[in-house]
Amino acid sequence: MLARTDILRYLGLNTQGDLGPWTFYTGRRGQLVFFIKSPPLEPPSQLQTSRRNAFRLNGYLWRRLSPQHQRDWETAAKRAHLMINGHNLFTFWNLTKDHAAIRTVERLSRMKLIPLQFPT
């Protein structure tokens, strides 16, 4: 189903994603496309579940960082001229454990990011 998004944009509403039983996105011609979400045909696989849990844990760890450590990750991403924010940089490091990449970011940003001690 198609609808114009001008009114929604005027009201400041972003027209993409899921809302209740509906999925919304903006089509190529600027029209709002929406349809009823279809339920998954199969339960999530073991790999999907483990990946989702890894992202969930990463979000928990990010929230447990002190505001200063969060700002350090944000500042390092900016100083290294990365096209991602500090939260995404932290997620990358936490999910890949690519120490060489983070050491490079530390060198470029002249900041120390790891190792971090998480509060208990």
PDB file of N, CA and C in Angstrom:
ATOM      1  N   MET A   1       0.846  -1.162   0.000  1.00  0.00           N
ATOM      2  CA  MET A   1       0.000   0.000   0.000  1.00  0.00           C
ATOM      3  C   MET A   1       0.899   1.234   0.000  1.00  0.00           C
ATOM      4  N   LEU A   2       0.572   2.243  -0.773  1.00  0.00           N
ATOM      5  CA  LEU A   2       1.370   3.444  -0.894  1.00  0.00           C
ATOM      6  C   LEU A   2       0.643   4.640  -0.306  1.00  0.00           C
ATOM      7  N   ALA A   3       1.376   5.563   0.259  1.00  0.00           N
ATOM      8  CA  ALA A   3       0.822   6.807   0.779  1.00  0.00           C
ATOM      9  C   ALA A   3       1.914   7.861   0.701  1.00  0.00           C
ATOM     10  N   ARG A   4       1.520   9.133   0.673  1.00  0.00           N
ATOM     11  CA  ARG A   4       2.512  10.210   0.620  1.00  0.00           C
ATOM     12  C   ARG A   4       3.064  10.461   2.016  1.00  0.00           C
ATOM     13  N   THR A   5       4.364  10.792   2.075  1.00  0.00           N
ATOM     14  CA  THR A   5       5.015  10.989   3.374  1.00  0.00           C
ATOM     15  C   THR A   5       5.172  12.458   3.737  1.00  0.00           C
ATOM     16  N   ASP A   6       4.692  13.372   2.895  1.00  0.00           N
ATOM     17  CA  ASP A   6       4.887  14.800   3.155  1.00  0.00           C
ATOM     18  C   ASP A   6       4.320  15.210   4.516  1.00  0.00           C
ATOM     19  N   ILE A   7       3.124  14.776   4.811  1.00  0.00           N
ATOM     20  CA  ILE A   7       2.477  15.169   6.070  1.00  0.00           C
ATOM     21  C   ILE A   7       3.243  14.588   7.250  1.00  0.00           C
ATOM     22  N   LEU A   8       3.647  13.323   7.132  1.00  0.00           N
ATOM     23  CA  LEU A   8       4.383  12.698   8.228  1.00  0.00           C
ATOM     24  C   LEU A   8       5.721  13.385   8.459  1.00  0.00           C
ATOM     25  N   ARG A   9       6.415  13.746   7.378  1.00  0.00           N
ATOM     26  CA  ARG A   9       7.694  14.449   7.522  1.00  0.00           C
ATOM     27  C   ARG A   9       7.487  15.824   8.139  1.00  0.00           C
ATOM     28  N   TYR A  10       6.409  16.499   7.749  1.00  0.00           N
ATOM     29  CA  TYR A  10       6.083  17.807   8.312  1.00  0.00           C
ATOM     30  C   TYR A  10       5.888  17.702   9.819  1.00  0.00           C
ATOM     31  N   LEU A  11       5.305  16.599  10.265  1.00  0.00           N
ATOM     32  CA  LEU A  11       5.085  16.376  11.690  1.00  0.00           C
ATOM     33  C   LEU A  11       6.336  15.864  12.402  1.00  0.00           C
ATOM     34  N   GLY A  12       7.410  15.616  11.642  1.00  0.00           N
ATOM     35  CA  GLY A  12       8.660  15.166  12.235  1.00  0.00           C
ATOM     36  C   GLY A  12       8.724  13.673  12.480  1.00  0.00           C
ATOM     37  N   LEU A  13       7.897  12.908  11.796  1.00  0.00           N
ATOM     38  CA  LEU A  13       7.889  11.462  11.984  1.00  0.00           C
ATOM     39  C   LEU A  13       8.763  10.776  10.943  1.00  0.00           C
ATOM     40  N   ASN A  14       9.606   9.875  11.402  1.00  0.00           N
ATOM     41  CA  ASN A  14      10.436   9.085  10.499  1.00  0.00           C
ATOM     42  C   ASN A  14       9.607   7.887  10.039  1.00  0.00           C
ATOM     43  N   THR A  15       9.520   7.678   8.766  1.00  0.00           N
ATOM     44  CA  THR A  15       8.608   6.664   8.244  1.00  0.00           C
ATOM     45  C   THR A  15       9.371   5.438   7.770  1.00  0.00           C
ATOM     46  N   GLN A  16       9.987   4.752   8.725  1.00  0.00           N
ATOM     47  CA  GLN A  16      10.610   3.479   8.400  1.00  0.00           C
ATOM     48  C   GLN A  16      10.662   2.631   9.650  1.00  0.00           C
ATOM     49  N   GLY A  17      10.583   1.326   9.455  1.00  0.00           N
ATOM     50  CA  GLY A  17      10.661   0.410  10.584  1.00  0.00           C
ATOM     51  C   GLY A  17       9.325  -0.226  10.893  1.00  0.00           C
ATOM     52  N   ASP A  18       9.268  -0.841  12.052  1.00  0.00           N
ATOM     53  CA  ASP A  18       8.077  -1.556  12.481  1.00  0.00           C
ATOM     54  C   ASP A  18       7.349  -0.759  13.549  1.00  0.00           C
ATOM     55  N   LEU A  19       6.041  -0.757  13.438  1.00  0.00           N
ATOM     56  CA  LEU A  19       5.185  -0.126  14.429  1.00  0.00           C
ATOM     57  C   LEU A  19       3.984  -1.034  14.621  1.00  0.00           C
ATOM     58  N   GLY A  20       3.956  -1.699  15.767  1.00  0.00           N
ATOM     59  CA  GLY A  20       2.882  -2.657  16.002  1.00  0.00           C
ATOM     60  C   GLY A  20       2.947  -3.764  14.960  1.00  0.00           C
ATOM     61  N   PRO A  21       1.807  -4.097  14.353  1.00  0.00           N
ATOM     62  CA  PRO A  21       1.818  -5.172  13.354  1.00  0.00           C
ATOM     63  C   PRO A  21       2.211  -4.696  11.954  1.00  0.00           C
ATOM     64  N   TRP A  22       2.623  -3.447  11.804  1.00  0.00           N
ATOM     65  CA  TRP A  22       2.913  -2.874  10.489  1.00  0.00           C
ATOM     66  C   TRP A  22       4.406  -2.656  10.291  1.00  0.00           C
ATOM     67  N   THR A  23       4.851  -2.768   9.024  1.00  0.00           N
ATOM     68  CA  THR A  23       6.208  -2.414   8.609  1.00  0.00           C
ATOM     69  C   THR A  23       6.100  -1.253   7.633  1.00  0.00           C
ATOM     70  N   PHE A  24       6.921  -0.212   7.840  1.00  0.00           N
ATOM     71  CA  PHE A  24       6.896   0.994   7.013  1.00  0.00           C
ATOM     72  C   PHE A  24       8.271   1.232   6.396  1.00  0.00           C
ATOM     73  N   TYR A  25       8.282   1.734   5.178  1.00  0.00           N
ATOM     74  CA  TYR A  25       9.511   2.259   4.584  1.00  0.00           C
ATOM     75  C   TYR A  25       9.133   3.253   3.506  1.00  0.00           C
ATOM     76  N   THR A  26      10.109   4.082   3.112  1.00  0.00           N
ATOM     77  CA  THR A  26       9.873   5.083   2.080  1.00  0.00           C
ATOM     78  C   THR A  26      10.350   4.533   0.751  1.00  0.00           C
ATOM     79  N   GLY A  27       9.474   4.536  -0.238  1.00  0.00           N
ATOM     80  CA  GLY A  27       9.799   4.027  -1.562  1.00  0.00           C
ATOM     81  C   GLY A  27      10.688   4.988  -2.333  1.00  0.00           C
ATOM     82  N   ARG A  28      11.097   4.574  -3.510  1.00  0.00           N
ATOM     83  CA  ARG A  28      12.008   5.382  -4.335  1.00  0.00           C
ATOM     84  C   ARG A  28      11.420   6.726  -4.724  1.00  0.00           C
ATOM     85  N   ARG A  29      10.132   6.802  -4.865  1.00  0.00           N
ATOM     86  CA  ARG A  29       9.493   8.052  -5.291  1.00  0.00           C
ATOM     87  C   ARG A  29       8.999   8.879  -4.110  1.00  0.00           C
ATOM     88  N   GLY A  30       9.497   8.570  -2.910  1.00  0.00           N
ATOM     89  CA  GLY A  30       9.134   9.350  -1.738  1.00  0.00           C
ATOM     90  C   GLY A  30       7.803   8.976  -1.128  1.00  0.00           C
ATOM     91  N   GLN A  31       7.230   7.885  -1.584  1.00  0.00           N
ATOM     92  CA  GLN A  31       5.942   7.473  -1.043  1.00  0.00           C
ATOM     93  C   GLN A  31       6.139   6.479   0.092  1.00  0.00           C
ATOM     94  N   LEU A  32       5.242   6.541   1.051  1.00  0.00           N
ATOM     95  CA  LEU A  32       5.283   5.624   2.174  1.00  0.00           C
ATOM     96  C   LEU A  32       4.707   4.284   1.750  1.00  0.00           C
ATOM     97  N   VAL A  33       5.470   3.231   1.969  1.00  0.00           N
ATOM     98  CA  VAL A  33       5.017   1.874   1.676  1.00  0.00           C
ATOM     99  C   VAL A  33       4.857   1.177   3.021  1.00  0.00           C
ATOM    100  N   PHE A  34       3.698   0.548   3.221  1.00  0.00           N
ATOM    101  CA  PHE A  34       3.496  -0.174   4.472  1.00  0.00           C
ATOM    102  C   PHE A  34       2.687  -1.433   4.219  1.00  0.00           C
ATOM    103  N   PHE A  35       2.925  -2.408   5.065  1.00  0.00           N
ATOM    104  CA  PHE A  35       2.244  -3.681   4.954  1.00  0.00           C
ATOM    105  C   PHE A  35       2.262  -4.363   6.311  1.00  0.00           C
ATOM    106  N   ILE A  36       1.395  -5.340   6.475  1.00  0.00           N
ATOM    107  CA  ILE A  36       1.344  -6.089   7.723  1.00  0.00           C
ATOM    108  C   ILE A  36       2.568  -6.988   7.798  1.00  0.00           C
ATOM    109  N   LYS A  37       3.239  -6.974   8.962  1.00  0.00           N
ATOM    110  CA  LYS A  37       4.419  -7.814   9.162  1.00  0.00           C
ATOM    111  C   LYS A  37       4.029  -9.273   9.034  1.00  0.00           C
ATOM    112  N   SER A  38       4.875 -10.027   8.382  1.00  0.00           N
ATOM    113  CA  SER A  38       4.630 -11.461   8.320  1.00  0.00           C
ATOM    114  C   SER A  38       5.446 -12.149   9.408  1.00  0.00           C
ATOM    115  N   PRO A  39       4.848 -13.094  10.107  1.00  0.00           N
ATOM    116  CA  PRO A  39       5.595 -13.768  11.175  1.00  0.00           C
ATOM    117  C   PRO A  39       6.677 -14.658  10.583  1.00  0.00           C
ATOM    118  N   PRO A  40       7.737 -14.919  11.340  1.00  0.00           N
ATOM    119  CA  PRO A  40       8.783 -15.808  10.832  1.00  0.00           C
ATOM    120  C   PRO A  40       8.235 -17.213  10.623  1.00  0.00           C
ATOM    121  N   LEU A  41       8.760 -17.879   9.607  1.00  0.00           N
ATOM    122  CA  LEU A  41       8.293 -19.231   9.307  1.00  0.00           C
ATOM    123  C   LEU A  41       8.938 -20.270  10.212  1.00  0.00           C
ATOM    124  N   GLU A  42      10.148 -19.961  10.700  1.00  0.00           N
ATOM    125  CA  GLU A  42      10.878 -20.892  11.553  1.00  0.00           C
ATOM    126  C   GLU A  42      11.389 -20.156  12.783  1.00  0.00           C
ATOM    127  N   PRO A  43      11.606 -20.851  13.874  1.00  0.00           N
ATOM    128  CA  PRO A  43      12.195 -20.191  15.039  1.00  0.00           C
ATOM    129  C   PRO A  43      13.634 -19.782  14.736  1.00  0.00           C
ATOM    130  N   PRO A  44      14.195 -18.834  15.522  1.00  0.00           N
ATOM    131  CA  PRO A  44      15.568 -18.402  15.249  1.00  0.00           C
ATOM    132  C   PRO A  44      16.555 -19.557  15.397  1.00  0.00           C
ATOM    133  N   SER A  45      17.561 -19.539  14.542  1.00  0.00           N
ATOM    134  CA  SER A  45      18.586 -20.583  14.593  1.00  0.00           C
ATOM    135  C   SER A  45      19.499 -20.352  15.797  1.00  0.00           C
ATOM    136  N   GLN A  46      20.316 -21.331  16.082  1.00  0.00           N
ATOM    137  CA  GLN A  46      21.270 -21.224  17.183  1.00  0.00           C
ATOM    138  C   GLN A  46      22.236 -20.059  16.932  1.00  0.00           C
ATOM    139  N   LEU A  47      22.674 -19.901  15.675  1.00  0.00           N
ATOM    140  CA  LEU A  47      23.588 -18.813  15.331  1.00  0.00           C
ATOM    141  C   LEU A  47      22.912 -17.456  15.527  1.00  0.00           C
ATOM    142  N   GLN A  48      21.651 -17.318  15.083  1.00  0.00           N
ATOM    143  CA  GLN A  48      20.930 -16.058  15.279  1.00  0.00           C
ATOM    144  C   GLN A  48      20.810 -15.731  16.759  1.00  0.00           C
ATOM    145  N   THR A  49      20.468 -16.728  17.541  1.00  0.00           N
ATOM    146  CA  THR A  49      20.306 -16.515  18.976  1.00  0.00           C
ATOM    147  C   THR A  49      21.618 -16.101  19.618  1.00  0.00           C
ATOM    148  N   SER A  50      22.725 -16.739  19.238  1.00  0.00           N
ATOM    149  CA  SER A  50      24.013 -16.378  19.830  1.00  0.00           C
ATOM    150  C   SER A  50      24.440 -14.973  19.405  1.00  0.00           C
ATOM    151  N   ARG A  51      24.193 -14.607  18.152  1.00  0.00           N
ATOM    152  CA  ARG A  51      24.547 -13.255  17.696  1.00  0.00           C
ATOM    153  C   ARG A  51      23.718 -12.201  18.420  1.00  0.00           C
ATOM    154  N   ARG A  52      22.428 -12.467  18.566  1.00  0.00           N
ATOM    155  CA  ARG A  52      21.573 -11.514  19.274  1.00  0.00           C
ATOM    156  C   ARG A  52      22.017 -11.361  20.717  1.00  0.00           C
ATOM    157  N   ASN A  53      22.390 -12.471  21.346  1.00  0.00           N
ATOM    158  CA  ASN A  53      22.875 -12.408  22.725  1.00  0.00           C
ATOM    159  C   ASN A  53      24.190 -11.644  22.815  1.00  0.00           C
ATOM    160  N   ALA A  54      25.054 -11.787  21.794  1.00  0.00           N
ATOM    161  CA  ALA A  54      26.319 -11.049  21.782  1.00  0.00           C
ATOM    162  C   ALA A  54      26.052  -9.545  21.700  1.00  0.00           C
ATOM    163  N   PHE A  55      25.113  -9.125  20.863  1.00  0.00           N
ATOM    164  CA  PHE A  55      24.764  -7.706  20.768  1.00  0.00           C
ATOM    165  C   PHE A  55      24.114  -7.224  22.063  1.00  0.00           C
ATOM    166  N   ARG A  56      23.293  -8.061  22.654  1.00  0.00           N
ATOM    167  CA  ARG A  56      22.663  -7.712  23.920  1.00  0.00           C
ATOM    168  C   ARG A  56      23.724  -7.495  25.003  1.00  0.00           C
ATOM    169  N   LEU A  57      24.692  -8.397  25.073  1.00  0.00           N
ATOM    170  CA  LEU A  57      25.776  -8.262  26.045  1.00  0.00           C
ATOM    171  C   LEU A  57      26.594  -7.005  25.776  1.00  0.00           C
ATOM    172  N   ASN A  58      26.854  -6.719  24.508  1.00  0.00           N
ATOM    173  CA  ASN A  58      27.603  -5.517  24.154  1.00  0.00           C
ATOM    174  C   ASN A  58      26.874  -4.265  24.622  1.00  0.00           C
ATOM    175  N   GLY A  59      25.569  -4.218  24.415  1.00  0.00           N
ATOM    176  CA  GLY A  59      24.794  -3.068  24.891  1.00  0.00           C
ATOM    177  C   GLY A  59      24.870  -2.923  26.396  1.00  0.00           C
ATOM    178  N   TYR A  60      24.822  -4.046  27.091  1.00  0.00           N
ATOM    179  CA  TYR A  60      24.943  -4.035  28.547  1.00  0.00           C
ATOM    180  C   TYR A  60      26.313  -3.489  28.964  1.00  0.00           C
ATOM    181  N   LEU A  61      27.368  -3.965  28.305  1.00  0.00           N
ATOM    182  CA  LEU A  61      28.719  -3.502  28.644  1.00  0.00           C
ATOM    183  C   LEU A  61      28.884  -2.011  28.360  1.00  0.00           C
ATOM    184  N   TRP A  62      28.307  -1.528  27.258  1.00  0.00           N
ATOM    185  CA  TRP A  62      28.393  -0.099  26.929  1.00  0.00           C
ATOM    186  C   TRP A  62      27.703   0.724  28.017  1.00  0.00           C
ATOM    187  N   ARG A  63      26.552   0.279  28.454  1.00  0.00           N
ATOM    188  CA  ARG A  63      25.837   1.011  29.499  1.00  0.00           C
ATOM    189  C   ARG A  63      26.591   0.982  30.831  1.00  0.00           C
ATOM    190  N   ARG A  64      27.394  -0.040  31.054  1.00  0.00           N
ATOM    191  CA  ARG A  64      28.165  -0.149  32.290  1.00  0.00           C
ATOM    192  C   ARG A  64      29.430   0.719  32.278  1.00  0.00           C
ATOM    193  N   LEU A  65      29.829   1.186  31.101  1.00  0.00           N
ATOM    194  CA  LEU A  65      30.984   2.085  31.040  1.00  0.00           C
ATOM    195  C   LEU A  65      30.651   3.400  31.727  1.00  0.00           C
ATOM    196  N   SER A  66      31.648   4.005  32.312  1.00  0.00           N
ATOM    197  CA  SER A  66      31.438   5.327  32.905  1.00  0.00           C
ATOM    198  C   SER A  66      31.210   6.331  31.769  1.00  0.00           C
ATOM    199  N   PRO A  67      30.534   7.441  32.056  1.00  0.00           N
ATOM    200  CA  PRO A  67      30.353   8.459  31.011  1.00  0.00           C
ATOM    201  C   PRO A  67      31.677   8.924  30.409  1.00  0.00           C
ATOM    202  N   GLN A  68      32.730   8.975  31.230  1.00  0.00           N
ATOM    203  CA  GLN A  68      34.042   9.391  30.719  1.00  0.00           C
ATOM    204  C   GLN A  68      34.587   8.382  29.705  1.00  0.00           C
ATOM    205  N   HIS A  69      34.469   7.084  29.994  1.00  0.00           N
ATOM    206  CA  HIS A  69      34.935   6.070  29.045  1.00  0.00           C
ATOM    207  C   HIS A  69      34.115   6.104  27.764  1.00  0.00           C
ATOM    208  N   GLN A  70      32.811   6.335  27.888  1.00  0.00           N
ATOM    209  CA  GLN A  70      31.983   6.453  26.683  1.00  0.00           C
ATOM    210  C   GLN A  70      32.448   7.644  25.845  1.00  0.00           C
ATOM    211  N   ARG A  71      32.718   8.766  26.500  1.00  0.00           N
ATOM    212  CA  ARG A  71      33.214   9.950  25.768  1.00  0.00           C
ATOM    213  C   ARG A  71      34.565   9.665  25.123  1.00  0.00           C
ATOM    214  N   ASP A  72      35.409   8.890  25.802  1.00  0.00           N
ATOM    215  CA  ASP A  72      36.712   8.533  25.226  1.00  0.00           C
ATOM    216  C   ASP A  72      36.536   7.762  23.925  1.00  0.00           C
ATOM    217  N   TRP A  73      35.621   6.791  23.898  1.00  0.00           N
ATOM    218  CA  TRP A  73      35.369   6.028  22.666  1.00  0.00           C
ATOM    219  C   TRP A  73      34.822   6.945  21.571  1.00  0.00           C
ATOM    220  N   GLU A  74      33.916   7.856  21.938  1.00  0.00           N
ATOM    221  CA  GLU A  74      33.363   8.799  20.956  1.00  0.00           C
ATOM    222  C   GLU A  74      34.463   9.707  20.410  1.00  0.00           C
ATOM    223  N   THR A  75      35.293  10.232  21.303  1.00  0.00           N
ATOM    224  CA  THR A  75      36.374  11.136  20.895  1.00  0.00           C
ATOM    225  C   THR A  75      37.390  10.413  20.022  1.00  0.00           C
ATOM    226  N   ALA A  76      37.736   9.184  20.389  1.00  0.00           N
ATOM    227  CA  ALA A  76      38.716   8.421  19.602  1.00  0.00           C
ATOM    228  C   ALA A  76      38.190   8.176  18.191  1.00  0.00           C
ATOM    229  N   ALA A  77      36.912   7.856  18.056  1.00  0.00           N
ATOM    230  CA  ALA A  77      36.341   7.627  16.723  1.00  0.00           C
ATOM    231  C   ALA A  77      36.406   8.907  15.885  1.00  0.00           C
ATOM    232  N   LYS A  78      36.154  10.060  16.520  1.00  0.00           N
ATOM    233  CA  LYS A  78      36.220  11.334  15.791  1.00  0.00           C
ATOM    234  C   LYS A  78      37.650  11.695  15.420  1.00  0.00           C
ATOM    235  N   ARG A  79      38.557  11.561  16.371  1.00  0.00           N
ATOM    236  CA  ARG A  79      39.955  11.932  16.109  1.00  0.00           C
ATOM    237  C   ARG A  79      40.606  11.041  15.050  1.00  0.00           C
ATOM    238  N   ALA A  80      40.177   9.784  15.002  1.00  0.00           N
ATOM    239  CA  ALA A  80      40.736   8.864  14.005  1.00  0.00           C
ATOM    240  C   ALA A  80      40.049   9.023  12.653  1.00  0.00           C
ATOM    241  N   HIS A  81      39.111   9.957  12.568  1.00  0.00           N
ATOM    242  CA  HIS A  81      38.371  10.239  11.330  1.00  0.00           C
ATOM    243  C   HIS A  81      37.641   9.000  10.816  1.00  0.00           C
ATOM    244  N   LEU A  82      37.051   8.255  11.751  1.00  0.00           N
ATOM    245  CA  LEU A  82      36.262   7.097  11.356  1.00  0.00           C
ATOM    246  C   LEU A  82      34.854   7.556  10.996  1.00  0.00           C
ATOM    247  N   MET A  83      34.204   6.810  10.167  1.00  0.00           N
ATOM    248  CA  MET A  83      32.848   7.157   9.769  1.00  0.00           C
ATOM    249  C   MET A  83      31.823   6.447  10.645  1.00  0.00           C
ATOM    250  N   ILE A  84      32.212   6.148  11.880  1.00  0.00           N
ATOM    251  CA  ILE A  84      31.308   5.541  12.852  1.00  0.00           C
ATOM    252  C   ILE A  84      31.442   6.291  14.162  1.00  0.00           C
ATOM    253  N   ASN A  85      30.478   6.107  15.040  1.00  0.00           N
ATOM    254  CA  ASN A  85      30.558   6.772  16.339  1.00  0.00           C
ATOM    255  C   ASN A  85      31.262   5.867  17.348  1.00  0.00           C
ATOM    256  N   GLY A  86      31.431   6.368  18.547  1.00  0.00           N
ATOM    257  CA  GLY A  86      32.151   5.621  19.573  1.00  0.00           C
ATOM    258  C   GLY A  86      31.453   4.342  19.989  1.00  0.00           C
ATOM    259  N   HIS A  87      30.134   4.373  20.046  1.00  0.00           N
ATOM    260  CA  HIS A  87      29.391   3.161  20.408  1.00  0.00           C
ATOM    261  C   HIS A  87      29.615   2.068  19.368  1.00  0.00           C
ATOM    262  N   ASN A  88      29.598   2.447  18.106  1.00  0.00           N
ATOM    263  CA  ASN A  88      29.832   1.455  17.056  1.00  0.00           C
ATOM    264  C   ASN A  88      31.275   0.947  17.072  1.00  0.00           C
ATOM    265  N   LEU A  89      32.213   1.813  17.388  1.00  0.00           N
ATOM    266  CA  LEU A  89      33.613   1.390  17.513  1.00  0.00           C
ATOM    267  C   LEU A  89      33.760   0.406  18.666  1.00  0.00           C
ATOM    268  N   PHE A  90      33.124   0.693  19.788  1.00  0.00           N
ATOM    269  CA  PHE A  90      33.141  -0.201  20.938  1.00  0.00           C
ATOM    270  C   PHE A  90      32.494  -1.541  20.579  1.00  0.00           C
ATOM    271  N   THR A  91      31.385  -1.494  19.850  1.00  0.00           N
ATOM    272  CA  THR A  91      30.716  -2.725  19.422  1.00  0.00           C
ATOM    273  C   THR A  91      31.623  -3.540  18.520  1.00  0.00           C
ATOM    274  N   PHE A  92      32.287  -2.882  17.561  1.00  0.00           N
ATOM    275  CA  PHE A  92      33.215  -3.575  16.676  1.00  0.00           C
ATOM    276  C   PHE A  92      34.288  -4.285  17.480  1.00  0.00           C
ATOM    277  N   TRP A  93      34.919  -3.557  18.409  1.00  0.00           N
ATOM    278  CA  TRP A  93      35.989  -4.164  19.192  1.00  0.00           C
ATOM    279  C   TRP A  93      35.460  -5.304  20.058  1.00  0.00           C
ATOM    280  N   ASN A  94      34.311  -5.095  20.678  1.00  0.00           N
ATOM    281  CA  ASN A  94      33.779  -6.091  21.587  1.00  0.00           C
ATOM    282  C   ASN A  94      33.358  -7.368  20.856  1.00  0.00           C
ATOM    283  N   LEU A  95      32.864  -7.238  19.637  1.00  0.00           N
ATOM    284  CA  LEU A  95      32.399  -8.420  18.902  1.00  0.00           C
ATOM    285  C   LEU A  95      33.526  -9.108  18.138  1.00  0.00           C
ATOM    286  N   THR A  96      34.541  -8.355  17.711  1.00  0.00           N
ATOM    287  CA  THR A  96      35.606  -8.971  16.918  1.00  0.00           C
ATOM    288  C   THR A  96      36.877  -9.224  17.728  1.00  0.00           C
ATOM    289  N   LYS A  97      37.058  -8.470  18.792  1.00  0.00           N
ATOM    290  CA  LYS A  97      38.288  -8.518  19.594  1.00  0.00           C
ATOM    291  C   LYS A  97      39.526  -8.285  18.725  1.00  0.00           C
ATOM    292  N   ASP A  98      39.377  -7.423  17.730  1.00  0.00           N
ATOM    293  CA  ASP A  98      40.477  -7.084  16.825  1.00  0.00           C
ATOM    294  C   ASP A  98      41.366  -6.050  17.506  1.00  0.00           C
ATOM    295  N   HIS A  99      42.288  -6.530  18.310  1.00  0.00           N
ATOM    296  CA  HIS A  99      43.147  -5.640  19.088  1.00  0.00           C
ATOM    297  C   HIS A  99      44.028  -4.776  18.194  1.00  0.00           C
ATOM    298  N   ALA A 100      44.460  -5.311  17.072  1.00  0.00           N
ATOM    299  CA  ALA A 100      45.317  -4.533  16.174  1.00  0.00           C
ATOM    300  C   ALA A 100      44.577  -3.311  15.642  1.00  0.00           C
ATOM    301  N   ALA A 101      43.325  -3.469  15.283  1.00  0.00           N
ATOM    302  CA  ALA A 101      42.546  -2.340  14.764  1.00  0.00           C
ATOM    303  C   ALA A 101      42.358  -1.280  15.841  1.00  0.00           C
ATOM    304  N   ILE A 102      42.065  -1.717  17.059  1.00  0.00           N
ATOM    305  CA  ILE A 102      41.855  -0.747  18.137  1.00  0.00           C
ATOM    306  C   ILE A 102      43.166  -0.072  18.511  1.00  0.00           C
ATOM    307  N   ARG A 103      44.272  -0.809  18.470  1.00  0.00           N
ATOM    308  CA  ARG A 103      45.583  -0.185  18.727  1.00  0.00           C
ATOM    309  C   ARG A 103      45.874   0.886  17.677  1.00  0.00           C
ATOM    310  N   THR A 104      45.472   0.630  16.429  1.00  0.00           N
ATOM    311  CA  THR A 104      45.639   1.629  15.370  1.00  0.00           C
ATOM    312  C   THR A 104      44.796   2.859  15.664  1.00  0.00           C
ATOM    313  N   VAL A 105      43.551   2.649  16.093  1.00  0.00           N
ATOM    314  CA  VAL A 105      42.684   3.778  16.451  1.00  0.00           C
ATOM    315  C   VAL A 105      43.288   4.538  17.626  1.00  0.00           C
ATOM    316  N   GLU A 106      43.824   3.812  18.594  1.00  0.00           N
ATOM    317  CA  GLU A 106      44.465   4.474  19.735  1.00  0.00           C
ATOM    318  C   GLU A 106      45.652   5.322  19.286  1.00  0.00           C
ATOM    319  N   ARG A 107      46.438   4.789  18.370  1.00  0.00           N
ATOM    320  CA  ARG A 107      47.600   5.526  17.877  1.00  0.00           C
ATOM    321  C   ARG A 107      47.163   6.780  17.111  1.00  0.00           C
ATOM    322  N   LEU A 108      46.148   6.635  16.254  1.00  0.00           N
ATOM    323  CA  LEU A 108      45.685   7.778  15.466  1.00  0.00           C
ATOM    324  C   LEU A 108      45.025   8.848  16.333  1.00  0.00           C
ATOM    325  N   SER A 109      44.312   8.407  17.360  1.00  0.00           N
ATOM    326  CA  SER A 109      43.569   9.361  18.195  1.00  0.00           C
ATOM    327  C   SER A 109      44.372   9.837  19.402  1.00  0.00           C
ATOM    328  N   ARG A 110      45.532   9.191  19.632  1.00  0.00           N
ATOM    329  CA  ARG A 110      46.370   9.500  20.794  1.00  0.00           C
ATOM    330  C   ARG A 110      45.592   9.332  22.097  1.00  0.00           C
ATOM    331  N   MET A 111      44.781   8.259  22.137  1.00  0.00           N
ATOM    332  CA  MET A 111      43.984   7.967  23.328  1.00  0.00           C
ATOM    333  C   MET A 111      44.136   6.496  23.683  1.00  0.00           C
ATOM    334  N   LYS A 112      43.999   6.200  24.952  1.00  0.00           N
ATOM    335  CA  LYS A 112      44.067   4.821  25.435  1.00  0.00           C
ATOM    336  C   LYS A 112      42.632   4.327  25.652  1.00  0.00           C
ATOM    337  N   LEU A 113      42.237   3.268  24.918  1.00  0.00           N
ATOM    338  CA  LEU A 113      40.877   2.745  25.024  1.00  0.00           C
ATOM    339  C   LEU A 113      40.805   1.423  25.766  1.00  0.00           C
ATOM    340  N   ILE A 114      41.782   0.531  25.521  1.00  0.00           N
ATOM    341  CA  ILE A 114      41.760  -0.772  26.178  1.00  0.00           C
ATOM    342  C   ILE A 114      43.105  -1.004  26.841  1.00  0.00           C
ATOM    343  N   PRO A 115      43.233  -1.775  27.855  1.00  0.00           N
ATOM    344  CA  PRO A 115      42.147  -2.525  28.484  1.00  0.00           C
ATOM    345  C   PRO A 115      41.315  -1.653  29.413  1.00  0.00           C
ATOM    346  N   LEU A 116      40.048  -1.998  29.500  1.00  0.00           N
ATOM    347  CA  LEU A 116      39.108  -1.304  30.355  1.00  0.00           C
ATOM    348  C   LEU A 116      38.715  -2.213  31.508  1.00  0.00           C
ATOM    349  N   GLN A 117      38.518  -1.650  32.651  1.00  0.00           N
ATOM    350  CA  GLN A 117      38.008  -2.407  33.781  1.00  0.00           C
ATOM    351  C   GLN A 117      36.530  -2.070  33.937  1.00  0.00           C
ATOM    352  N   PHE A 118      35.686  -3.093  33.840  1.00  0.00           N
ATOM    353  CA  PHE A 118      34.253  -2.861  33.991  1.00  0.00           C
ATOM    354  C   PHE A 118      33.884  -2.968  35.459  1.00  0.00           C
ATOM    355  N   PRO A 119      33.023  -2.067  35.902  1.00  0.00           N
ATOM    356  CA  PRO A 119      32.620  -2.123  37.306  1.00  0.00           C
ATOM    357  C   PRO A 119      31.839  -3.407  37.585  1.00  0.00           C
ATOM    358  N   THR A 120      31.972  -3.926  38.791  1.00  0.00           N
ATOM    359  CA  THR A 120      31.257  -5.149  39.146  1.00  0.00           C
ATOM    360  C   THR A 120      30.017  -4.853  39.934  1.00  0.00           C
TER     361      THR A 120
END
